[in-house]
Amino acid sequence: MMRLYAVAQPGLEPFLQAELRELGIKALQPLRYTASGDAYEESGGLEFEGDLADLYRVNLHSRIANRVLARLGEFNAAGFEELRKKAARLKWDDYIKPGQPVSFRVTCRKSRLYHSDAVAREVWSAINSQMSKPCPLVKYDEDDSHLSALVVIRLLHDVCTISMDSSGASLHRRGYRLETAKAPLRETLAAGLLLASGWDAASPLLDPFCGSGTIAVEAALYARHIPPGRNRRFTFSHWPIFDSPLWQKIYTEALANEVQACPVIQASDRDEGAVRITRANAERAGVAANLQVEHRPFSAMEPPAGPGWVVTNPPYGLRVSPDRDLRDLYDKLGDILRQKCQGWHIHLLCGDPVLAGHTRLSFQKPMLLRNGGLLVGFYSTKG
């Protein structure tokens, strides 16, 4: 069995755990211990045990994970010589081919080894000590990520954890979103909002501020059981231990589970350019026939027979039009939702609690997330 780690947006771990459970994987308790023995909760992902089949499935099926790491080793390292010697004992030849370019991501916190570039060079030296042909050290490039091996190193309280990235480009890069509107949501965050909303994938879903259409497209992919990684490449396919027949079996089974049925999903925006982008993205994702995309302001929305779900990301003035007073927009949004969506589940992503309050909707305590580096709240009604 391998020790694996799925990286995700902090705050979405419960929904990532539910995804893993559906794949037959039980996440390990995400607890770490400081040097003094005090426990602290690790955020931003979940650790689990699995084999190559589990690693392939999570990469292919997870709608929330940003990448999947395979743990190579964890050990104490207070000096560079100790780091290099212990790193040289790891099984690099399972994951890196001789001569393959190698990239590093290193974080050092509260450790005697604090220079990330120096840490990377020592581990690079340890890798090359096992290779018949030197592996060039290159800067990581998302666009060429399938060509290089990414080594992820974390030093915390002198404990060094070394992992290999199995995903390549971040898993939010599904391949369909070649165009974006203003302040787009990452695909993984959009999918996380849908799961956090409790949408049943059978009732109508409405996004009256669709932007690039990410929420609507992710909803259609989810409802139709289309794996988000269907049209992309993964770094694990270049590992020496890659099992091609096993991967083909898992991939074929995933495609066989796709369905055509889809509930009503409406996406609209007052920006004609955003509507055009939404349609193009939906076409590339293969779900254009499942979306009703309209060019209209939210005040003119025409919800289908409900009840259903509203999941949306209205402007909140921090990344788009920061000087614009949006209080009237939120006042009107609340009025429209009360008039046209009675009995519906309402979910808004908003970076300003004052604006959310202007809807005068009865929200529960928001779930706090980060969007584009900004702390935002996901506000949900009690319905």
Protein backbone atom coordinates (compact mmCIF):
# COMPACT_ATOMS: atom_id res chain seq x y z
CA MET A 1 0.00 0.00 0.00
CA MET A 2 1.07 3.57 -0.71
CA ARG A 3 0.67 6.65 1.47
CA LEU A 4 -1.17 9.19 -0.65
CA TYR A 5 -2.28 12.77 -0.13
CA ALA A 6 -5.02 14.63 -2.00
CA VAL A 7 -4.45 18.40 -1.95
CA ALA A 8 -7.59 20.55 -1.85
CA GLN A 9 -8.90 24.00 -1.04
CA PRO A 10 -8.86 24.47 2.76
CA GLY A 11 -12.43 24.19 4.01
CA LEU A 12 -13.48 21.57 1.45
CA GLU A 13 -11.91 18.59 3.25
CA PRO A 14 -15.27 17.12 4.42
CA PHE A 15 -16.50 16.98 0.82
CA LEU A 16 -13.19 15.56 -0.40
CA GLN A 17 -13.55 12.90 2.28
CA ALA A 18 -17.04 12.07 0.97
CA GLU A 19 -15.60 11.75 -2.55
CA LEU A 20 -12.94 9.35 -1.32
CA ARG A 21 -15.59 7.34 0.51
CA GLU A 22 -17.59 6.97 -2.70
CA LEU A 23 -14.45 5.57 -4.34
CA GLY A 24 -14.11 3.03 -1.53
CA ILE A 25 -11.21 4.89 0.12
CA LYS A 26 -11.05 5.81 3.79
CA ALA A 27 -9.11 8.94 4.59
CA LEU A 28 -6.69 8.79 7.49
CA GLN A 29 -7.18 11.11 10.44
CA PRO A 30 -5.59 14.39 9.25
CA LEU A 31 -3.62 15.01 12.44
CA ARG A 32 0.02 15.97 12.76
CA TYR A 33 2.15 16.60 15.82
CA THR A 34 4.57 19.42 16.54
CA ALA A 35 8.01 18.80 18.00
CA SER A 36 6.61 19.52 21.46
CA GLY A 37 3.98 16.82 21.00
CA ASP A 38 1.05 19.19 20.54
CA ALA A 39 -1.45 18.05 17.92
CA TYR A 40 -2.72 20.40 15.25
CA GLU A 41 -5.19 19.88 12.43
CA GLU A 42 -3.68 19.92 8.96
CA SER A 43 -5.76 21.74 6.40
CA GLY A 44 -5.69 21.76 2.64
CA GLY A 45 -6.17 18.08 1.90
CA LEU A 46 -6.46 14.54 3.21
CA GLU A 47 -4.05 11.66 3.57
CA PHE A 48 -5.11 8.13 2.70
CA GLU A 49 -3.67 4.71 2.00
CA GLY A 50 -4.16 3.03 -1.35
CA ASP A 51 -2.61 1.28 -4.31
CA LEU A 52 -1.99 2.42 -7.87
CA ALA A 53 -5.64 1.81 -8.76
CA ASP A 54 -6.75 4.18 -5.99
CA LEU A 55 -4.28 6.82 -7.12
CA TYR A 56 -5.56 6.56 -10.69
CA ARG A 57 -9.21 6.75 -9.60
CA VAL A 58 -8.77 9.82 -7.41
CA ASN A 59 -6.96 11.69 -10.19
CA LEU A 60 -9.66 10.77 -12.68
CA HIS A 61 -12.77 11.17 -10.52
CA SER A 62 -12.14 13.79 -7.85
CA ARG A 63 -13.95 17.04 -8.56
CA ILE A 64 -12.39 18.82 -5.57
CA ALA A 65 -8.74 17.71 -5.32
CA ASN A 66 -6.13 19.98 -6.94
CA ARG A 67 -3.50 17.25 -7.13
CA VAL A 68 -2.63 13.84 -5.68
CA LEU A 69 0.76 13.21 -4.07
CA ALA A 70 2.49 9.89 -3.39
CA ARG A 71 4.52 9.97 -0.16
CA LEU A 72 8.05 8.66 -0.67
CA GLY A 73 9.30 9.18 2.85
CA GLU A 74 9.21 11.16 6.07
CA PHE A 75 12.21 11.59 8.35
CA ASN A 76 14.00 14.02 10.65
CA ALA A 77 16.55 16.24 8.96
CA ALA A 78 18.38 18.96 10.89
CA GLY A 79 21.34 19.30 8.49
CA PHE A 80 22.01 19.11 4.77
CA GLU A 81 24.19 15.98 4.95
CA GLU A 82 21.50 14.16 6.91
CA LEU A 83 18.89 15.31 4.40
CA ARG A 84 20.92 14.13 1.40
CA LYS A 85 21.77 10.72 2.89
CA LYS A 86 18.20 9.95 3.94
CA ALA A 87 16.75 11.20 0.66
CA ALA A 88 19.17 8.94 -1.24
CA ARG A 89 17.54 5.88 0.41
CA LEU A 90 14.15 6.56 -1.17
CA LYS A 91 12.91 4.61 -4.21
CA TRP A 92 13.27 7.37 -6.79
CA ASP A 93 13.54 4.91 -9.68
CA ASP A 94 9.85 3.98 -9.19
CA TYR A 95 8.81 7.50 -10.15
CA ILE A 96 11.61 9.13 -12.16
CA LYS A 97 13.28 7.87 -15.34
CA PRO A 98 17.01 8.40 -15.92
CA GLY A 99 17.53 11.73 -17.65
CA GLN A 100 14.00 12.97 -16.97
CA PRO A 101 13.79 16.68 -15.98
CA VAL A 102 13.00 17.23 -12.28
CA SER A 103 11.22 20.18 -10.65
CA PHE A 104 10.79 21.01 -6.97
CA ARG A 105 8.29 22.71 -4.72
CA VAL A 106 9.77 23.24 -1.27
CA THR A 107 8.28 24.80 1.87
CA CYS A 108 10.30 25.21 5.07
CA ARG A 109 8.70 26.25 8.35
CA LYS A 110 10.12 26.27 11.87
CA SER A 111 13.07 24.13 10.81
CA ARG A 112 16.85 24.50 10.94
CA LEU A 113 16.90 23.92 7.20
CA TYR A 114 15.08 26.99 5.95
CA HIS A 115 16.62 27.75 2.53
CA SER A 116 14.24 26.12 0.04
CA ASP A 117 16.61 26.27 -2.95
CA ALA A 118 19.41 24.63 -0.98
CA VAL A 119 17.03 21.89 0.19
CA ALA A 120 16.00 21.25 -3.43
CA ARG A 121 19.64 21.00 -4.55
CA GLU A 122 20.48 18.43 -1.87
CA VAL A 123 17.51 16.23 -2.76
CA TRP A 124 18.30 16.65 -6.47
CA SER A 125 21.80 15.37 -5.73
CA ALA A 126 20.28 12.39 -3.90
CA ILE A 127 18.08 11.59 -6.90
CA ASN A 128 20.98 11.70 -9.35
CA SER A 129 22.99 9.37 -7.14
CA GLN A 130 20.51 6.63 -8.17
CA MET A 131 20.24 7.47 -11.88
CA SER A 132 22.29 6.07 -14.76
CA LYS A 133 21.74 9.37 -16.57
CA PRO A 134 21.62 12.77 -14.78
CA CYS A 135 18.20 14.36 -14.39
CA PRO A 136 18.23 18.07 -15.31
CA LEU A 137 16.90 20.49 -12.71
CA VAL A 138 14.18 22.65 -14.33
CA LYS A 139 11.64 25.21 -13.21
CA TYR A 140 8.15 23.74 -12.90
CA ASP A 141 5.85 24.67 -15.79
CA GLU A 142 2.12 23.83 -15.58
CA ASP A 143 1.87 23.72 -19.37
CA ASP A 144 4.69 21.17 -19.73
CA SER A 145 4.11 19.45 -16.40
CA HIS A 146 3.68 15.99 -17.95
CA LEU A 147 7.30 16.09 -19.15
CA SER A 148 9.01 16.72 -15.81
CA ALA A 149 8.80 14.99 -12.45
CA LEU A 150 7.60 17.27 -9.65
CA VAL A 151 9.05 16.57 -6.21
CA VAL A 152 7.15 18.19 -3.32
CA ILE A 153 9.13 18.72 -0.12
CA ARG A 154 7.82 20.02 3.19
CA LEU A 155 10.03 20.74 6.19
CA LEU A 156 8.15 21.41 9.41
CA HIS A 157 9.76 21.29 12.85
CA ASP A 158 12.77 19.52 11.25
CA VAL A 159 10.54 16.74 9.89
CA CYS A 160 11.00 16.35 6.14
CA THR A 161 8.16 14.91 4.07
CA ILE A 162 9.01 14.09 0.46
CA SER A 163 6.29 13.34 -2.08
CA MET A 164 5.95 12.81 -5.82
CA ASP A 165 3.20 14.62 -7.69
CA SER A 166 1.07 12.20 -9.71
CA SER A 167 -1.24 14.70 -11.39
CA GLY A 168 0.86 17.09 -13.46
CA ALA A 169 -1.06 20.28 -14.16
CA SER A 170 -3.46 21.14 -11.35
CA LEU A 171 -6.59 18.99 -11.49
CA HIS A 172 -8.75 22.11 -11.84
CA ARG A 173 -7.50 22.26 -15.43
CA ARG A 174 -10.18 20.03 -16.94
CA GLY A 175 -9.43 21.16 -20.47
CA TYR A 176 -12.75 22.78 -21.37
CA ARG A 177 -12.22 26.30 -20.06
CA LEU A 178 -10.08 27.97 -22.68
CA GLU A 179 -11.82 31.32 -22.19
CA THR A 180 -12.77 33.08 -18.97
CA ALA A 181 -14.94 36.01 -18.00
CA LYS A 182 -14.13 38.42 -15.17
CA ALA A 183 -12.98 36.91 -11.83
CA PRO A 184 -13.53 33.25 -12.80
CA LEU A 185 -13.94 30.46 -10.27
CA ARG A 186 -11.56 27.53 -10.38
CA GLU A 187 -13.32 24.40 -11.55
CA THR A 188 -12.42 22.57 -8.33
CA LEU A 189 -13.88 25.37 -6.21
CA ALA A 190 -17.06 25.48 -8.32
CA ALA A 191 -17.49 21.73 -7.88
CA GLY A 192 -16.82 22.10 -4.17
CA LEU A 193 -19.57 24.71 -3.87
CA LEU A 194 -22.02 22.37 -5.57
CA LEU A 195 -21.19 19.55 -3.17
CA ALA A 196 -21.25 21.90 -0.18
CA SER A 197 -24.70 23.14 -1.24
CA GLY A 198 -26.09 19.63 -0.95
CA TRP A 199 -27.43 19.71 -4.51
CA ASP A 200 -29.01 16.34 -5.26
CA ALA A 201 -28.07 16.37 -8.99
CA ALA A 202 -31.75 15.73 -9.79
CA SER A 203 -33.47 19.03 -8.97
CA PRO A 204 -33.22 22.19 -11.11
CA LEU A 205 -30.13 24.34 -10.63
CA LEU A 206 -29.85 28.04 -11.44
CA ASP A 207 -26.85 30.38 -11.72
CA PRO A 208 -27.96 33.94 -12.61
CA PHE A 209 -24.35 35.31 -12.58
CA CYS A 210 -22.77 32.55 -14.64
CA GLY A 211 -19.62 34.35 -15.84
CA SER A 212 -17.57 31.66 -17.62
CA GLY A 213 -20.25 29.08 -16.81
CA THR A 214 -18.01 27.08 -14.49
CA ILE A 215 -20.70 26.28 -11.90
CA ALA A 216 -23.20 25.22 -14.57
CA VAL A 217 -20.70 23.11 -16.51
CA GLU A 218 -19.44 21.41 -13.35
CA ALA A 219 -23.05 20.71 -12.37
CA ALA A 220 -23.73 19.00 -15.70
CA LEU A 221 -20.54 16.93 -15.46
CA TYR A 222 -21.53 15.88 -11.94
CA ALA A 223 -25.13 15.02 -12.84
CA ARG A 224 -24.04 12.96 -15.84
CA HIS A 225 -21.29 11.12 -13.92
CA ILE A 226 -18.67 12.40 -16.35
CA PRO A 227 -15.23 12.13 -14.69
CA PRO A 228 -13.57 15.56 -14.55
CA GLY A 229 -10.23 14.09 -15.66
CA ARG A 230 -11.66 12.45 -18.76
CA ASN A 231 -9.89 14.71 -21.28
CA ARG A 232 -6.52 15.40 -19.67
CA ARG A 233 -3.11 13.82 -19.13
CA PHE A 234 -1.52 12.80 -15.83
CA THR A 235 2.12 12.67 -14.78
CA PHE A 236 1.71 9.16 -13.36
CA SER A 237 1.57 7.84 -16.94
CA HIS A 238 5.34 8.59 -17.16
CA TRP A 239 6.28 6.78 -13.95
CA PRO A 240 8.41 3.63 -14.37
CA ILE A 241 5.82 1.80 -12.22
CA PHE A 242 2.90 2.95 -14.40
CA ASP A 243 0.49 0.07 -15.07
CA SER A 244 -1.02 0.85 -18.46
CA PRO A 245 -3.53 -2.07 -18.59
CA LEU A 246 -4.80 -1.17 -15.12
CA TRP A 247 -5.24 2.49 -16.09
CA GLN A 248 -7.06 1.58 -19.29
CA LYS A 249 -9.43 -0.67 -17.32
CA ILE A 250 -10.22 2.11 -14.81
CA TYR A 251 -10.65 4.71 -17.56
CA THR A 252 -12.94 2.47 -19.64
CA GLU A 253 -15.09 1.64 -16.61
CA ALA A 254 -15.45 5.34 -15.82
CA LEU A 255 -16.66 6.17 -19.32
CA ALA A 256 -19.14 3.28 -19.19
CA ASN A 257 -20.76 4.80 -16.09
CA GLU A 258 -21.62 8.10 -17.80
CA VAL A 259 -25.32 8.85 -18.24
CA GLN A 260 -27.25 11.13 -20.60
CA ALA A 261 -30.00 12.21 -18.20
CA CYS A 262 -29.52 15.62 -16.63
CA PRO A 263 -31.82 17.94 -14.62
CA VAL A 264 -32.63 21.47 -15.75
CA ILE A 265 -29.53 23.65 -15.37
CA GLN A 266 -29.97 27.34 -16.18
CA ALA A 267 -27.04 29.74 -16.60
CA SER A 268 -27.52 33.42 -17.36
CA ASP A 269 -25.60 36.68 -17.26
CA ARG A 270 -26.18 40.27 -18.27
CA ASP A 271 -22.79 40.29 -20.02
CA GLU A 272 -23.17 39.05 -23.59
CA GLY A 273 -19.48 38.11 -23.73
CA ALA A 274 -19.82 35.93 -20.64
CA VAL A 275 -22.78 34.13 -22.20
CA ARG A 276 -20.77 33.44 -25.35
CA ILE A 277 -17.87 32.08 -23.26
CA THR A 278 -20.22 29.88 -21.22
CA ARG A 279 -21.64 28.32 -24.37
CA ALA A 280 -18.16 27.69 -25.79
CA ASN A 281 -16.92 26.13 -22.55
CA ALA A 282 -20.01 23.92 -22.29
CA GLU A 283 -19.48 22.77 -25.87
CA ARG A 284 -15.87 21.78 -25.17
CA ALA A 285 -16.97 19.95 -22.01
CA GLY A 286 -19.55 17.99 -23.98
CA VAL A 287 -22.52 19.27 -21.96
CA ALA A 288 -23.85 22.12 -24.15
CA ALA A 289 -27.10 20.21 -24.73
CA ASN A 290 -27.64 19.98 -20.96
CA LEU A 291 -27.53 23.72 -20.24
CA GLN A 292 -30.05 26.49 -20.82
CA VAL A 293 -27.81 29.53 -21.33
CA GLU A 294 -29.48 32.94 -21.59
CA HIS A 295 -28.32 36.54 -22.03
CA ARG A 296 -30.34 38.48 -19.44
CA PRO A 297 -30.01 40.30 -16.10
CA PHE A 298 -30.75 38.35 -12.92
CA SER A 299 -33.96 40.34 -12.45
CA ALA A 300 -35.36 38.72 -15.62
CA MET A 301 -34.54 35.14 -14.63
CA GLU A 302 -37.29 32.58 -15.12
CA PRO A 303 -36.75 29.66 -12.73
CA PRO A 304 -38.20 26.30 -13.77
CA ALA A 305 -40.77 24.56 -11.62
CA GLY A 306 -39.11 23.95 -8.29
CA PRO A 307 -38.06 23.76 -5.70
CA GLY A 308 -34.44 23.68 -6.72
CA TRP A 309 -31.03 25.17 -5.99
CA VAL A 310 -29.51 28.57 -6.71
CA VAL A 311 -25.71 28.34 -6.58
CA THR A 312 -24.00 31.50 -7.77
CA ASN A 313 -21.03 33.84 -7.45
CA PRO A 314 -22.38 37.40 -7.77
CA PRO A 315 -19.94 40.32 -8.01
CA TYR A 316 -18.77 41.54 -4.63
CA GLY A 317 -16.50 44.41 -5.65
CA LEU A 318 -13.14 43.07 -4.50
CA ARG A 319 -11.80 41.67 -7.76
CA VAL A 320 -14.22 43.33 -10.21
CA SER A 321 -15.29 47.02 -10.04
CA PRO A 322 -13.93 47.70 -6.52
CA ASP A 323 -15.26 51.27 -6.60
CA ARG A 324 -18.81 50.27 -7.48
CA ASP A 325 -21.45 50.37 -4.74
CA LEU A 326 -23.15 46.99 -4.92
CA ARG A 327 -25.59 47.37 -2.03
CA ASP A 328 -28.52 48.07 -4.35
CA LEU A 329 -27.68 44.99 -6.42
CA TYR A 330 -27.80 42.76 -3.33
CA ASP A 331 -31.00 44.42 -2.10
CA LYS A 332 -32.61 43.66 -5.44
CA LEU A 333 -31.11 40.15 -5.60
CA GLY A 334 -32.71 39.30 -2.27
CA ASP A 335 -36.07 40.65 -3.45
CA ILE A 336 -35.96 38.67 -6.72
CA LEU A 337 -34.97 35.44 -4.99
CA ARG A 338 -37.80 35.78 -2.47
CA GLN A 339 -40.29 36.47 -5.26
CA LYS A 340 -39.21 33.89 -7.82
CA CYS A 341 -37.45 31.15 -5.82
CA GLN A 342 -39.70 30.51 -2.83
CA GLY A 343 -38.79 27.23 -1.18
CA TRP A 344 -35.49 27.01 -3.07
CA HIS A 345 -32.06 26.39 -1.54
CA ILE A 346 -30.06 29.61 -1.99
CA HIS A 347 -26.25 29.57 -1.93
CA LEU A 348 -24.07 32.63 -2.60
CA LEU A 349 -20.29 33.00 -2.67
CA CYS A 350 -19.57 36.51 -1.40
CA GLY A 351 -16.47 38.27 -0.12
CA ASP A 352 -18.34 40.90 1.87
CA PRO A 353 -20.66 39.93 4.75
CA VAL A 354 -22.26 43.39 4.61
CA LEU A 355 -23.33 42.81 1.01
CA ALA A 356 -24.63 39.32 1.84
CA GLY A 357 -26.66 40.91 4.62
CA HIS A 358 -28.27 43.30 2.15
CA THR A 359 -30.14 40.36 0.59
CA ARG A 360 -32.06 40.06 3.89
CA LEU A 361 -32.10 36.28 3.37
CA SER A 362 -31.84 34.00 6.38
CA PHE A 363 -28.34 32.59 5.97
CA GLN A 364 -26.59 30.10 8.18
CA LYS A 365 -23.04 30.82 9.38
CA PRO A 366 -20.99 30.94 6.16
CA MET A 367 -18.32 28.44 5.23
CA LEU A 368 -15.06 30.37 4.80
CA LEU A 369 -12.97 29.70 1.70
CA ARG A 370 -10.39 31.44 -0.46
CA ASN A 371 -11.11 32.57 -4.00
CA GLY A 372 -8.30 34.17 -5.95
CA GLY A 373 -6.39 34.72 -2.71
CA LEU A 374 -9.33 36.49 -1.05
CA LEU A 375 -11.17 35.19 2.00
CA VAL A 376 -14.82 34.71 1.02
CA GLY A 377 -17.90 33.21 2.59
CA PHE A 378 -20.26 30.63 1.12
CA TYR A 379 -23.67 31.71 2.38
CA SER A 380 -26.52 29.16 2.50
CA THR A 381 -30.15 29.54 3.49
CA LYS A 382 -31.66 27.14 6.01
CA GLY A 383 -34.15 25.82 3.48
